């Protein structure tokens, strides 16, 4: 989420009205319904994790042990199990 200065994006009249409610405070304005983004969509984190998890599954199918995968990816064995058994 980026921050923008109100006077850069809102008309002066609207700023004056908002100042009647909150003066000099931060206000969060949520996205319009239907234009929300899921976690990691903007930063690419979701895509990175999906690619990592796919790689973990492929290595598991090739014979890597859960303990080896946990050490290689710095995850717990339980996390590896969640990843590989979810995708099978």
PDB file of N, CA and C in Angstrom:
ATOM      1  N   UNK A   1       0.860  -1.166   0.000  1.00  0.00           N
ATOM      2  CA  UNK A   1       0.000   0.000   0.000  1.00  0.00           C
ATOM      3  C   UNK A   1       0.905   1.227   0.000  1.00  0.00           C
ATOM      4  N   UNK A   2       0.650   2.132  -0.900  1.00  0.00           N
ATOM      5  CA  UNK A   2       1.445   3.356  -0.951  1.00  0.00           C
ATOM      6  C   UNK A   2       0.661   4.505  -0.330  1.00  0.00           C
ATOM      7  N   UNK A   3       1.396   5.472   0.151  1.00  0.00           N
ATOM      8  CA  UNK A   3       0.768   6.654   0.737  1.00  0.00           C
ATOM      9  C   UNK A   3       0.822   7.801  -0.263  1.00  0.00           C
ATOM     10  N   UNK A   4      -0.242   8.548  -0.325  1.00  0.00           N
ATOM     11  CA  UNK A   4      -0.302   9.715  -1.210  1.00  0.00           C
ATOM     12  C   UNK A   4      -0.720  10.918  -0.385  1.00  0.00           C
ATOM     13  N   UNK A   5      -0.228  12.067  -0.768  1.00  0.00           N
ATOM     14  CA  UNK A   5      -0.625  13.308  -0.096  1.00  0.00           C
ATOM     15  C   UNK A   5      -2.010  13.703  -0.592  1.00  0.00           C
ATOM     16  N   UNK A   6      -2.889  14.010   0.358  1.00  0.00           N
ATOM     17  CA  UNK A   6      -4.270  14.349   0.007  1.00  0.00           C
ATOM     18  C   UNK A   6      -4.319  15.499  -0.987  1.00  0.00           C
ATOM     19  N   UNK A   7      -3.507  16.534  -0.780  1.00  0.00           N
ATOM     20  CA  UNK A   7      -3.602  17.683  -1.684  1.00  0.00           C
ATOM     21  C   UNK A   7      -3.067  17.392  -3.084  1.00  0.00           C
ATOM     22  N   UNK A   8      -2.391  16.250  -3.251  1.00  0.00           N
ATOM     23  CA  UNK A   8      -1.943  15.848  -4.583  1.00  0.00           C
ATOM     24  C   UNK A   8      -3.020  15.092  -5.353  1.00  0.00           C
ATOM     25  N   UNK A   9      -4.020  14.537  -4.642  1.00  0.00           N
ATOM     26  CA  UNK A   9      -5.009  13.702  -5.330  1.00  0.00           C
ATOM     27  C   UNK A   9      -6.465  14.115  -5.094  1.00  0.00           C
ATOM     28  N   UNK A  10      -6.713  14.989  -4.127  1.00  0.00           N
ATOM     29  CA  UNK A  10      -8.096  15.386  -3.823  1.00  0.00           C
ATOM     30  C   UNK A  10      -8.285  16.885  -4.016  1.00  0.00           C
ATOM     31  N   UNK A  11      -9.489  17.296  -4.387  1.00  0.00           N
ATOM     32  CA  UNK A  11      -9.755  18.734  -4.514  1.00  0.00           C
ATOM     33  C   UNK A  11      -9.778  19.389  -3.119  1.00  0.00           C
ATOM     34  N   UNK A  12      -9.429  20.681  -3.081  1.00  0.00           N
ATOM     35  CA  UNK A  12      -9.357  21.420  -1.818  1.00  0.00           C
ATOM     36  C   UNK A  12     -10.678  21.370  -1.040  1.00  0.00           C
ATOM     37  N   UNK A  13     -11.802  21.430  -1.749  1.00  0.00           N
ATOM     38  CA  UNK A  13     -13.101  21.406  -1.082  1.00  0.00           C
ATOM     39  C   UNK A  13     -13.312  20.093  -0.319  1.00  0.00           C
ATOM     40  N   UNK A  14     -12.905  19.004  -0.925  1.00  0.00           N
ATOM     41  CA  UNK A  14     -13.061  17.703  -0.278  1.00  0.00           C
ATOM     42  C   UNK A  14     -12.121  17.581   0.922  1.00  0.00           C
ATOM     43  N   UNK A  15     -10.923  18.091   0.790  1.00  0.00           N
ATOM     44  CA  UNK A  15      -9.983  18.078   1.915  1.00  0.00           C
ATOM     45  C   UNK A  15     -10.567  18.843   3.094  1.00  0.00           C
ATOM     46  N   UNK A  16     -11.177  19.996   2.834  1.00  0.00           N
ATOM     47  CA  UNK A  16     -11.781  20.794   3.903  1.00  0.00           C
ATOM     48  C   UNK A  16     -12.893  20.011   4.603  1.00  0.00           C
ATOM     49  N   UNK A  17     -13.698  19.278   3.845  1.00  0.00           N
ATOM     50  CA  UNK A  17     -14.767  18.468   4.437  1.00  0.00           C
ATOM     51  C   UNK A  17     -14.178  17.361   5.310  1.00  0.00           C
ATOM     52  N   UNK A  18     -13.172  16.668   4.799  1.00  0.00           N
ATOM     53  CA  UNK A  18     -12.540  15.581   5.558  1.00  0.00           C
ATOM     54  C   UNK A  18     -11.907  16.125   6.832  1.00  0.00           C
ATOM     55  N   UNK A  19     -11.291  17.315   6.753  1.00  0.00           N
ATOM     56  CA  UNK A  19     -10.678  17.911   7.937  1.00  0.00           C
ATOM     57  C   UNK A  19     -11.712  18.198   9.033  1.00  0.00           C
ATOM     58  N   UNK A  20     -12.975  18.335   8.675  1.00  0.00           N
ATOM     59  CA  UNK A  20     -14.029  18.485   9.671  1.00  0.00           C
ATOM     60  C   UNK A  20     -14.210  17.227  10.520  1.00  0.00           C
ATOM     61  N   UNK A  21     -13.794  16.084   9.984  1.00  0.00           N
ATOM     62  CA  UNK A  21     -13.908  14.811  10.699  1.00  0.00           C
ATOM     63  C   UNK A  21     -12.582  14.406  11.340  1.00  0.00           C
ATOM     64  N   UNK A  22     -11.516  14.486  10.597  1.00  0.00           N
ATOM     65  CA  UNK A  22     -10.179  14.135  11.102  1.00  0.00           C
ATOM     66  C   UNK A  22      -9.210  15.195  10.599  1.00  0.00           C
ATOM     67  N   UNK A  23      -8.572  15.871  11.518  1.00  0.00           N
ATOM     68  CA  UNK A  23      -7.664  16.965  11.149  1.00  0.00           C
ATOM     69  C   UNK A  23      -6.229  16.555  11.452  1.00  0.00           C
ATOM     70  N   UNK A  24      -5.444  16.366  10.402  1.00  0.00           N
ATOM     71  CA  UNK A  24      -4.035  16.035  10.576  1.00  0.00           C
ATOM     72  C   UNK A  24      -3.775  14.590  10.957  1.00  0.00           C
ATOM     73  N   UNK A  25      -4.725  13.691  10.712  1.00  0.00           N
ATOM     74  CA  UNK A  25      -4.561  12.277  11.042  1.00  0.00           C
ATOM     75  C   UNK A  25      -4.508  11.451   9.758  1.00  0.00           C
ATOM     76  N   UNK A  26      -4.019  10.232   9.888  1.00  0.00           N
ATOM     77  CA  UNK A  26      -3.987   9.328   8.750  1.00  0.00           C
ATOM     78  C   UNK A  26      -5.342   8.653   8.604  1.00  0.00           C
ATOM     79  N   UNK A  27      -5.792   8.535   7.368  1.00  0.00           N
ATOM     80  CA  UNK A  27      -7.070   7.885   7.076  1.00  0.00           C
ATOM     81  C   UNK A  27      -6.821   6.844   5.990  1.00  0.00           C
ATOM     82  N   UNK A  28      -7.296   5.623   6.240  1.00  0.00           N
ATOM     83  CA  UNK A  28      -7.195   4.561   5.243  1.00  0.00           C
ATOM     84  C   UNK A  28      -8.472   4.549   4.416  1.00  0.00           C
ATOM     85  N   UNK A  29      -8.337   4.563   3.108  1.00  0.00           N
ATOM     86  CA  UNK A  29      -9.487   4.489   2.210  1.00  0.00           C
ATOM     87  C   UNK A  29      -9.406   3.133   1.513  1.00  0.00           C
ATOM     88  N   UNK A  30     -10.345   2.231   1.821  1.00  0.00           N
ATOM     89  CA  UNK A  30     -10.284   0.881   1.241  1.00  0.00           C
ATOM     90  C   UNK A  30     -10.592   0.892  -0.253  1.00  0.00           C
ATOM     91  N   UNK A  31     -10.178  -0.169  -0.907  1.00  0.00           N
ATOM     92  CA  UNK A  31     -10.478  -0.337  -2.330  1.00  0.00           C
ATOM     93  C   UNK A  31     -11.979  -0.521  -2.527  1.00  0.00           C
ATOM     94  N   UNK A  32     -12.429  -0.198  -3.718  1.00  0.00           N
ATOM     95  CA  UNK A  32     -13.826  -0.439  -4.071  1.00  0.00           C
ATOM     96  C   UNK A  32     -14.080  -1.937  -4.078  1.00  0.00           C
ATOM     97  N   UNK A  33     -15.285  -2.319  -3.722  1.00  0.00           N
ATOM     98  CA  UNK A  33     -15.654  -3.728  -3.714  1.00  0.00           C
ATOM     99  C   UNK A  33     -15.453  -4.313  -5.113  1.00  0.00           C
ATOM    100  N   UNK A  34     -14.821  -5.454  -5.161  1.00  0.00           N
ATOM    101  CA  UNK A  34     -14.575  -6.106  -6.440  1.00  0.00           C
ATOM    102  C   UNK A  34     -13.200  -5.810  -7.019  1.00  0.00           C
ATOM    103  N   UNK A  35     -12.476  -4.840  -6.466  1.00  0.00           N
ATOM    104  CA  UNK A  35     -11.145  -4.538  -6.999  1.00  0.00           C
ATOM    105  C   UNK A  35     -10.052  -4.889  -6.000  1.00  0.00           C
ATOM    106  N   UNK A  36     -10.404  -5.717  -4.991  1.00  0.00           N
ATOM    107  CA  UNK A  36      -9.410  -6.120  -4.009  1.00  0.00           C
ATOM    108  C   UNK A  36      -8.382  -7.038  -4.656  1.00  0.00           C
ATOM    109  N   UNK A  37      -7.201  -7.036  -4.083  1.00  0.00           N
ATOM    110  CA  UNK A  37      -6.146  -7.927  -4.552  1.00  0.00           C
ATOM    111  C   UNK A  37      -5.864  -8.953  -3.474  1.00  0.00           C
ATOM    112  N   UNK A  38      -5.535 -10.152  -3.890  1.00  0.00           N
ATOM    113  CA  UNK A  38      -5.211 -11.181  -2.917  1.00  0.00           C
ATOM    114  C   UNK A  38      -3.783 -10.982  -2.417  1.00  0.00           C
ATOM    115  N   UNK A  39      -3.483 -11.644  -1.295  1.00  0.00           N
ATOM    116  CA  UNK A  39      -2.184 -11.489  -0.661  1.00  0.00           C
ATOM    117  C   UNK A  39      -1.068 -11.830  -1.643  1.00  0.00           C
ATOM    118  N   UNK A  40      -0.064 -10.972  -1.708  1.00  0.00           N
ATOM    119  CA  UNK A  40       1.123 -11.213  -2.515  1.00  0.00           C
ATOM    120  C   UNK A  40       0.963 -10.986  -4.000  1.00  0.00           C
ATOM    121  N   UNK A  41      -0.204 -10.564  -4.430  1.00  0.00           N
ATOM    122  CA  UNK A  41      -0.454 -10.371  -5.861  1.00  0.00           C
ATOM    123  C   UNK A  41       0.384  -9.235  -6.429  1.00  0.00           C
ATOM    124  N   UNK A  42       0.430  -8.124  -5.720  1.00  0.00           N
ATOM    125  CA  UNK A  42       1.149  -6.956  -6.228  1.00  0.00           C
ATOM    126  C   UNK A  42       2.665  -7.118  -6.126  1.00  0.00           C
ATOM    127  N   UNK A  43       3.126  -7.682  -5.020  1.00  0.00           N
ATOM    128  CA  UNK A  43       4.570  -7.792  -4.801  1.00  0.00           C
ATOM    129  C   UNK A  43       5.191  -8.974  -5.537  1.00  0.00           C
ATOM    130  N   UNK A  44       4.381  -9.941  -5.917  1.00  0.00           N
ATOM    131  CA  UNK A  44       4.907 -11.136  -6.581  1.00  0.00           C
ATOM    132  C   UNK A  44       5.261 -12.241  -5.598  1.00  0.00           C
ATOM    133  N   UNK A  45       5.016 -12.017  -4.306  1.00  0.00           N
ATOM    134  CA  UNK A  45       5.353 -13.021  -3.289  1.00  0.00           C
ATOM    135  C   UNK A  45       4.566 -14.311  -3.503  1.00  0.00           C
ATOM    136  N   UNK A  46       3.299 -14.209  -3.860  1.00  0.00           N
ATOM    137  CA  UNK A  46       2.470 -15.395  -4.074  1.00  0.00           C
ATOM    138  C   UNK A  46       3.036 -16.238  -5.206  1.00  0.00           C
ATOM    139  N   UNK A  47       3.426 -15.598  -6.305  1.00  0.00           N
ATOM    140  CA  UNK A  47       3.975 -16.326  -7.453  1.00  0.00           C
ATOM    141  C   UNK A  47       5.283 -17.019  -7.068  1.00  0.00           C
ATOM    142  N   UNK A  48       6.115 -16.327  -6.299  1.00  0.00           N
ATOM    143  CA  UNK A  48       7.391 -16.897  -5.862  1.00  0.00           C
ATOM    144  C   UNK A  48       7.167 -18.133  -5.002  1.00  0.00           C
ATOM    145  N   UNK A  49       6.228 -18.047  -4.047  1.00  0.00           N
ATOM    146  CA  UNK A  49       5.940 -19.193  -3.186  1.00  0.00           C
ATOM    147  C   UNK A  49       5.336 -20.347  -3.972  1.00  0.00           C
ATOM    148  N   UNK A  50       4.474 -20.054  -4.914  1.00  0.00           N
ATOM    149  CA  UNK A  50       3.885 -21.113  -5.741  1.00  0.00           C
ATOM    150  C   UNK A  50       4.953 -21.840  -6.547  1.00  0.00           C
ATOM    151  N   UNK A  51       5.908 -21.086  -7.087  1.00  0.00           N
ATOM    152  CA  UNK A  51       6.999 -21.699  -7.851  1.00  0.00           C
ATOM    153  C   UNK A  51       7.879 -22.556  -6.943  1.00  0.00           C
ATOM    154  N   UNK A  52       8.177 -22.041  -5.735  1.00  0.00           N
ATOM    155  CA  UNK A  52       8.980 -22.800  -4.778  1.00  0.00           C
ATOM    156  C   UNK A  52       8.271 -24.098  -4.408  1.00  0.00           C
ATOM    157  N   UNK A  53       6.968 -24.005  -4.120  1.00  0.00           N
ATOM    158  CA  UNK A  53       6.214 -25.189  -3.716  1.00  0.00           C
ATOM    159  C   UNK A  53       6.140 -26.225  -4.836  1.00  0.00           C
ATOM    160  N   UNK A  54       6.024 -25.761  -6.065  1.00  0.00           N
ATOM    161  CA  UNK A  54       6.010 -26.679  -7.209  1.00  0.00           C
ATOM    162  C   UNK A  54       7.360 -27.408  -7.309  1.00  0.00           C
ATOM    163  N   UNK A  55       8.429 -26.664  -7.097  1.00  0.00           N
ATOM    164  CA  UNK A  55       9.772 -27.254  -7.130  1.00  0.00           C
ATOM    165  C   UNK A  55       9.935 -28.284  -6.005  1.00  0.00           C
ATOM    166  N   UNK A  56       9.420 -27.975  -4.827  1.00  0.00           N
ATOM    167  CA  UNK A  56       9.488 -28.915  -3.703  1.00  0.00           C
ATOM    168  C   UNK A  56       8.745 -30.200  -4.061  1.00  0.00           C
ATOM    169  N   UNK A  57       7.558 -30.076  -4.635  1.00  0.00           N
ATOM    170  CA  UNK A  57       6.771 -31.251  -5.026  1.00  0.00           C
ATOM    171  C   UNK A  57       7.498 -32.092  -6.071  1.00  0.00           C
ATOM    172  N   UNK A  58       8.105 -31.439  -7.041  1.00  0.00           N
ATOM    173  CA  UNK A  58       8.836 -32.170  -8.083  1.00  0.00           C
ATOM    174  C   UNK A  58      10.006 -32.930  -7.491  1.00  0.00           C
ATOM    175  N   UNK A  59      10.732 -32.299  -6.583  1.00  0.00           N
ATOM    176  CA  UNK A  59      11.867 -32.978  -5.950  1.00  0.00           C
ATOM    177  C   UNK A  59      11.398 -34.139  -5.078  1.00  0.00           C
ATOM    178  N   UNK A  60      10.272 -33.961  -4.395  1.00  0.00           N
ATOM    179  CA  UNK A  60       9.721 -35.032  -3.569  1.00  0.00           C
ATOM    180  C   UNK A  60       9.367 -36.231  -4.440  1.00  0.00           C
ATOM    181  N   UNK A  61       8.767 -35.987  -5.605  1.00  0.00           N
ATOM    182  CA  UNK A  61       8.399 -37.067  -6.527  1.00  0.00           C
ATOM    183  C   UNK A  61       9.632 -37.756  -7.105  1.00  0.00           C
ATOM    184  N   UNK A  62      10.754 -37.005  -7.153  1.00  0.00           N
ATOM    185  CA  UNK A  62      12.005 -37.580  -7.679  1.00  0.00           C
ATOM    186  C   UNK A  62      12.776 -38.347  -6.606  1.00  0.00           C
ATOM    187  N   UNK A  63      12.220 -38.405  -5.394  1.00  0.00           N
ATOM    188  CA  UNK A  63      12.851 -39.227  -4.373  1.00  0.00           C
ATOM    189  C   UNK A  63      13.512 -38.489  -3.211  1.00  0.00           C
ATOM    190  N   UNK A  64      13.467 -37.177  -3.216  1.00  0.00           N
ATOM    191  CA  UNK A  64      14.033 -36.446  -2.072  1.00  0.00           C
ATOM    192  C   UNK A  64      13.206 -36.787  -0.838  1.00  0.00           C
ATOM    193  N   UNK A  65      13.882 -36.922   0.289  1.00  0.00           N
ATOM    194  CA  UNK A  65      13.189 -37.171   1.555  1.00  0.00           C
ATOM    195  C   UNK A  65      12.694 -35.850   2.132  1.00  0.00           C
ATOM    196  N   UNK A  66      11.639 -35.944   2.942  1.00  0.00           N
ATOM    197  CA  UNK A  66      11.054 -34.737   3.543  1.00  0.00           C
ATOM    198  C   UNK A  66      12.092 -33.982   4.368  1.00  0.00           C
ATOM    199  N   UNK A  67      12.958 -34.713   5.065  1.00  0.00           N
ATOM    200  CA  UNK A  67      13.985 -34.080   5.893  1.00  0.00           C
ATOM    201  C   UNK A  67      14.999 -33.320   5.025  1.00  0.00           C
ATOM    202  N   UNK A  68      15.331 -33.884   3.870  1.00  0.00           N
ATOM    203  CA  UNK A  68      16.257 -33.211   2.946  1.00  0.00           C
ATOM    204  C   UNK A  68      15.636 -31.917   2.418  1.00  0.00           C
ATOM    205  N   UNK A  69      14.378 -31.987   2.044  1.00  0.00           N
ATOM    206  CA  UNK A  69      13.686 -30.803   1.530  1.00  0.00           C
ATOM    207  C   UNK A  69      13.573 -29.730   2.608  1.00  0.00           C
ATOM    208  N   UNK A  70      13.267 -30.141   3.833  1.00  0.00           N
ATOM    209  CA  UNK A  70      13.164 -29.185   4.938  1.00  0.00           C
ATOM    210  C   UNK A  70      14.489 -28.458   5.139  1.00  0.00           C
ATOM    211  N   UNK A  71      15.586 -29.177   5.096  1.00  0.00           N
ATOM    212  CA  UNK A  71      16.897 -28.555   5.278  1.00  0.00           C
ATOM    213  C   UNK A  71      17.243 -27.647   4.091  1.00  0.00           C
ATOM    214  N   UNK A  72      16.944 -28.098   2.885  1.00  0.00           N
ATOM    215  CA  UNK A  72      17.287 -27.328   1.686  1.00  0.00           C
ATOM    216  C   UNK A  72      16.496 -26.026   1.590  1.00  0.00           C
ATOM    217  N   UNK A  73      15.244 -26.036   2.041  1.00  0.00           N
ATOM    218  CA  UNK A  73      14.378 -24.862   1.903  1.00  0.00           C
ATOM    219  C   UNK A  73      14.159 -24.119   3.222  1.00  0.00           C
ATOM    220  N   UNK A  74      14.862 -24.553   4.255  1.00  0.00           N
ATOM    221  CA  UNK A  74      14.762 -23.904   5.569  1.00  0.00           C
ATOM    222  C   UNK A  74      13.321 -23.891   6.077  1.00  0.00           C
ATOM    223  N   UNK A  75      12.657 -25.027   5.947  1.00  0.00           N
ATOM    224  CA  UNK A  75      11.284 -25.199   6.408  1.00  0.00           C
ATOM    225  C   UNK A  75      11.232 -26.380   7.366  1.00  0.00           C
ATOM    226  N   UNK A  76      10.155 -26.472   8.128  1.00  0.00           N
ATOM    227  CA  UNK A  76       9.969 -27.631   8.995  1.00  0.00           C
ATOM    228  C   UNK A  76       9.478 -28.809   8.153  1.00  0.00           C
ATOM    229  N   UNK A  77       9.674 -30.007   8.692  1.00  0.00           N
ATOM    230  CA  UNK A  77       9.178 -31.200   8.005  1.00  0.00           C
ATOM    231  C   UNK A  77       7.658 -31.105   7.861  1.00  0.00           C
ATOM    232  N   UNK A  78       6.983 -30.581   8.877  1.00  0.00           N
ATOM    233  CA  UNK A  78       5.529 -30.422   8.828  1.00  0.00           C
ATOM    234  C   UNK A  78       5.118 -29.505   7.665  1.00  0.00           C
ATOM    235  N   UNK A  79       5.863 -28.425   7.441  1.00  0.00           N
ATOM    236  CA  UNK A  79       5.570 -27.522   6.319  1.00  0.00           C
ATOM    237  C   UNK A  79       5.766 -28.230   4.978  1.00  0.00           C
ATOM    238  N   UNK A  80       6.809 -29.012   4.887  1.00  0.00           N
ATOM    239  CA  UNK A  80       7.056 -29.778   3.655  1.00  0.00           C
ATOM    240  C   UNK A  80       5.898 -30.745   3.422  1.00  0.00           C
ATOM    241  N   UNK A  81       5.443 -31.414   4.489  1.00  0.00           N
ATOM    242  CA  UNK A  81       4.319 -32.342   4.343  1.00  0.00           C
ATOM    243  C   UNK A  81       3.067 -31.618   3.847  1.00  0.00           C
ATOM    244  N   UNK A  82       2.800 -30.437   4.398  1.00  0.00           N
ATOM    245  CA  UNK A  82       1.627 -29.668   3.950  1.00  0.00           C
ATOM    246  C   UNK A  82       1.714 -29.358   2.459  1.00  0.00           C
ATOM    247  N   UNK A  83       2.908 -29.007   2.014  1.00  0.00           N
ATOM    248  CA  UNK A  83       3.100 -28.641   0.599  1.00  0.00           C
ATOM    249  C   UNK A  83       2.939 -29.862  -0.312  1.00  0.00           C
ATOM    250  N   UNK A  84       3.628 -30.949  -0.004  1.00  0.00           N
ATOM    251  CA  UNK A  84       3.630 -32.082  -0.924  1.00  0.00           C
ATOM    252  C   UNK A  84       2.327 -32.864  -0.895  1.00  0.00           C
ATOM    253  N   UNK A  85       1.681 -32.954   0.251  1.00  0.00           N
ATOM    254  CA  UNK A  85       0.428 -33.725   0.311  1.00  0.00           C
ATOM    255  C   UNK A  85      -0.766 -32.915  -0.167  1.00  0.00           C
ATOM    256  N   UNK A  86      -0.658 -31.595  -0.152  1.00  0.00           N
ATOM    257  CA  UNK A  86      -1.720 -30.736  -0.672  1.00  0.00           C
ATOM    258  C   UNK A  86      -1.789 -30.843  -2.198  1.00  0.00           C
ATOM    259  N   UNK A  87      -0.669 -30.990  -2.844  1.00  0.00           N
ATOM    260  CA  UNK A  87      -0.604 -30.951  -4.297  1.00  0.00           C
ATOM    261  C   UNK A  87      -0.798 -32.320  -4.950  1.00  0.00           C
ATOM    262  N   UNK A  88      -0.729 -33.388  -4.162  1.00  0.00           N
ATOM    263  CA  UNK A  88      -0.847 -34.727  -4.774  1.00  0.00           C
ATOM    264  C   UNK A  88      -2.256 -35.074  -5.115  1.00  0.00           C
TER     265      UNK A  88
END
